[in-house]
C-alpha atoms as a PDB file:
ATOM      1  CA  MET A   1     -56.762 189.332  78.791  1.00  0.00           C
ATOM      2  CA  SER A   2     -61.013 187.795  79.981  1.00  0.00           C
ATOM      3  CA  SER A   3     -63.293 190.622  78.986  1.00  0.00           C
ATOM      4  CA  ARG A   4     -63.805 190.841  83.002  1.00  0.00           C
ATOM      5  CA  ASN A   5     -60.480 191.654  83.958  1.00  0.00           C
ATOM      6  CA  VAL A   6     -60.380 194.434  80.915  1.00  0.00           C
ATOM      7  CA  THR A   7     -63.795 195.974  81.825  1.00  0.00           C
ATOM      8  CA  GLY A   8     -62.367 196.107  85.453  1.00  0.00           C
ATOM      9  CA  LEU A   9     -58.633 197.923  83.602  1.00  0.00           C
ATOM     10  CA  VAL A  10     -61.042 200.388  82.028  1.00  0.00           C
ATOM     11  CA  ASP A  11     -63.298 201.161  84.897  1.00  0.00           C
ATOM     12  CA  THR A  12     -59.861 201.841  87.088  1.00  0.00           C
ATOM     13  CA  LEU A  13     -58.307 204.508  83.808  1.00  0.00           C
ATOM     14  CA  LYS A  14     -61.950 205.726  83.796  1.00  0.00           C
ATOM     15  CA  ARG A  15     -61.883 206.498  87.289  1.00  0.00           C
ATOM     16  CA  ASP A  16     -58.941 208.357  87.635  1.00  0.00           C
ATOM     17  CA  GLY A  17     -59.711 210.198  84.274  1.00  0.00           C
ATOM     18  CA  LEU A  18     -56.755 208.294  81.645  1.00  0.00           C
ATOM     19  CA  ALA A  19     -59.377 207.239  79.754  1.00  0.00           C
ATOM     20  CA  GLN A  20     -63.062 207.282  78.428  1.00  0.00           C
ATOM     21  CA  ARG A  21     -65.603 204.318  77.434  1.00  0.00           C
ATOM     22  CA  VAL A  22     -66.938 205.819  73.148  1.00  0.00           C
ATOM     23  CA  GLN A  23     -69.725 204.556  70.997  1.00  0.00           C
ATOM     24  CA  ASP A  24     -67.699 202.915  68.357  1.00  0.00           C
ATOM     25  CA  GLN A  25     -69.797 204.768  65.301  1.00  0.00           C
ATOM     26  CA  PRO A  26     -70.082 201.783  62.594  1.00  0.00           C
ATOM     27  CA  ASP A  27     -71.005 199.710  65.519  1.00  0.00           C
ATOM     28  CA  ARG A  28     -73.022 201.003  67.453  1.00  0.00           C
ATOM     29  CA  ARG A  29     -72.682 197.557  69.311  1.00  0.00           C
ATOM     30  CA  SER A  30     -69.675 198.069  70.140  1.00  0.00           C
ATOM     31  CA  VAL A  31     -67.887 200.795  72.966  1.00  0.00           C
ATOM     32  CA  ARG A  32     -64.607 201.773  72.266  1.00  0.00           C
ATOM     33  CA  ALA A  33     -61.984 203.020  75.035  1.00  0.00           C
ATOM     34  CA  THR A  34     -60.361 206.443  74.481  1.00  0.00           C
ATOM     35  CA  ILE A  35     -57.304 207.863  75.828  1.00  0.00           C
ATOM     36  CA  THR A  36     -58.030 211.613  76.856  1.00  0.00           C
ATOM     37  CA  PRO A  37     -56.258 214.222  77.325  1.00  0.00           C
ATOM     38  CA  THR A  38     -55.198 213.731  81.229  1.00  0.00           C
ATOM     39  CA  GLY A  39     -53.880 210.451  79.961  1.00  0.00           C
ATOM     40  CA  LEU A  40     -51.654 211.467  77.242  1.00  0.00           C
ATOM     41  CA  ASP A  41     -50.427 213.981  80.181  1.00  0.00           C
ATOM     42  CA  TRP A  42     -50.205 211.120  82.233  1.00  0.00           C
ATOM     43  CA  LEU A  43     -48.416 208.977  79.673  1.00  0.00           C
ATOM     44  CA  ASP A  44     -45.771 211.545  78.431  1.00  0.00           C
ATOM     45  CA  ASP A  45     -45.490 212.382  82.163  1.00  0.00           C
ATOM     46  CA  PHE A  46     -44.158 208.681  82.545  1.00  0.00           C
ATOM     47  CA  ARG A  47     -42.436 208.271  79.142  1.00  0.00           C
ATOM     48  CA  GLN A  48     -40.123 211.388  80.117  1.00  0.00           C
ATOM     49  CA  PRO A  49     -37.738 209.879  82.957  1.00  0.00           C
ATOM     50  CA  THR A  50     -36.627 206.918  79.562  1.00  0.00           C
ATOM     51  CA  GLN A  51     -36.214 209.045  77.490  1.00  0.00           C
ATOM     52  CA  PRO A  52     -32.987 209.861  77.566  1.00  0.00           C
ATOM     53  CA  ALA A  53     -32.413 206.439  78.835  1.00  0.00           C
ATOM     54  CA  MET A  54     -33.864 204.993  75.625  1.00  0.00           C
ATOM     55  CA  GLY A  55     -32.080 207.604  72.875  1.00  0.00           C
ATOM     56  CA  ALA A  56     -28.626 206.128  74.210  1.00  0.00           C
ATOM     57  CA  VAL A  57     -29.326 202.388  74.156  1.00  0.00           C
ATOM     58  CA  PHE A  58     -31.046 203.264  70.516  1.00  0.00           C
ATOM     59  CA  GLN A  59     -28.762 205.733  69.520  1.00  0.00           C
ATOM     60  CA  ASN A  60     -26.272 205.240  65.933  1.00  0.00           C
ATOM     61  CA  PHE A  61     -29.130 202.194  64.985  1.00  0.00           C
ATOM     62  CA  THR A  62     -30.497 203.087  61.795  1.00  0.00           C
ATOM     63  CA  GLU A  63     -34.112 202.907  60.762  1.00  0.00           C
ATOM     64  CA  ASP A  64     -34.054 199.612  59.197  1.00  0.00           C
ATOM     65  CA  GLU A  65     -31.783 198.354  61.736  1.00  0.00           C
ATOM     66  CA  LEU A  66     -34.197 199.211  64.324  1.00  0.00           C
ATOM     67  CA  ARG A  67     -37.292 198.102  62.616  1.00  0.00           C
ATOM     68  CA  ASP A  68     -35.351 194.264  62.197  1.00  0.00           C
ATOM     69  CA  LEU A  69     -34.288 194.683  65.690  1.00  0.00           C
ATOM     70  CA  CYS A  70     -37.929 195.205  66.120  1.00  0.00           C
ATOM     71  CA  LEU A  71     -39.133 192.166  64.310  1.00  0.00           C
ATOM     72  CA  ARG A  72     -36.987 189.908  65.823  1.00  0.00           C
ATOM     73  CA  MET A  73     -38.030 190.787  69.440  1.00  0.00           C
ATOM     74  CA  VAL A  74     -41.877 189.901  68.377  1.00  0.00           C
ATOM     75  CA  GLU A  75     -40.380 186.643  66.339  1.00  0.00           C
ATOM     76  CA  ASN A  76     -38.578 185.741  69.950  1.00  0.00           C
ATOM     77  CA  ARG A  77     -41.572 186.573  72.457  1.00  0.00           C
ATOM     78  CA  GLN A  78     -43.146 184.178  69.982  1.00  0.00           C
ATOM     79  CA  ARG A  79     -40.930 181.529  69.824  1.00  0.00           C
ATOM     80  CA  VAL A  80     -41.139 181.516  73.958  1.00  0.00           C
ATOM     81  CA  GLU A  81     -45.039 181.344  73.955  1.00  0.00           C
ATOM     82  CA  GLN A  82     -44.347 178.801  71.852  1.00  0.00           C
ATOM     83  CA  TYR A  83     -42.069 177.106  74.766  1.00  0.00           C
ATOM     84  CA  LEU A  84     -44.053 178.132  77.081  1.00  0.00           C
ATOM     85  CA  ASN A  85     -47.204 176.632  75.916  1.00  0.00           C
ATOM     86  CA  ALA A  86     -45.507 173.156  75.011  1.00  0.00           C
ATOM     87  CA  THR A  87     -44.621 173.284  79.633  1.00  0.00           C
ATOM     88  CA  ARG A  88     -47.419 174.312  80.214  1.00  0.00           C
ATOM     89  CA  ARG A  89     -48.839 171.102  78.127  1.00  0.00           C
ATOM     90  CA  ASP A  90     -46.490 168.670  79.510  1.00  0.00           C
ATOM     91  CA  GLU A  91     -46.602 169.190  83.071  1.00  0.00           C
ATOM     92  CA  PRO A  92     -48.623 166.707  85.109  1.00  0.00           C
ATOM     93  CA  SER A  93     -51.782 167.762  86.021  1.00  0.00           C
ATOM     94  CA  ALA A  94     -52.574 167.958  89.983  1.00  0.00           C
ATOM     95  CA  SER A  95     -55.597 165.530  90.738  1.00  0.00           C
END
């Protein structure tokens, strides 16, 4: 994501009261975007309808099984990215 896109996203979240910009104390040149209490409430409201369904999907998994599942999904995502990048390189350029 480009810095321009991130800036636009943070501007929108800030305008809606969901995020704020905070000066980074260790590096005064940097600014961090942090979620506001209103943003946390919005996120909770957004997640609430799906929580029972997600609980049912992952019911009876042990902590180790969930960890393994998550790690496998990350690995698979990386494979998909590698495939897509290779596919893009093989496409003929439109000239």
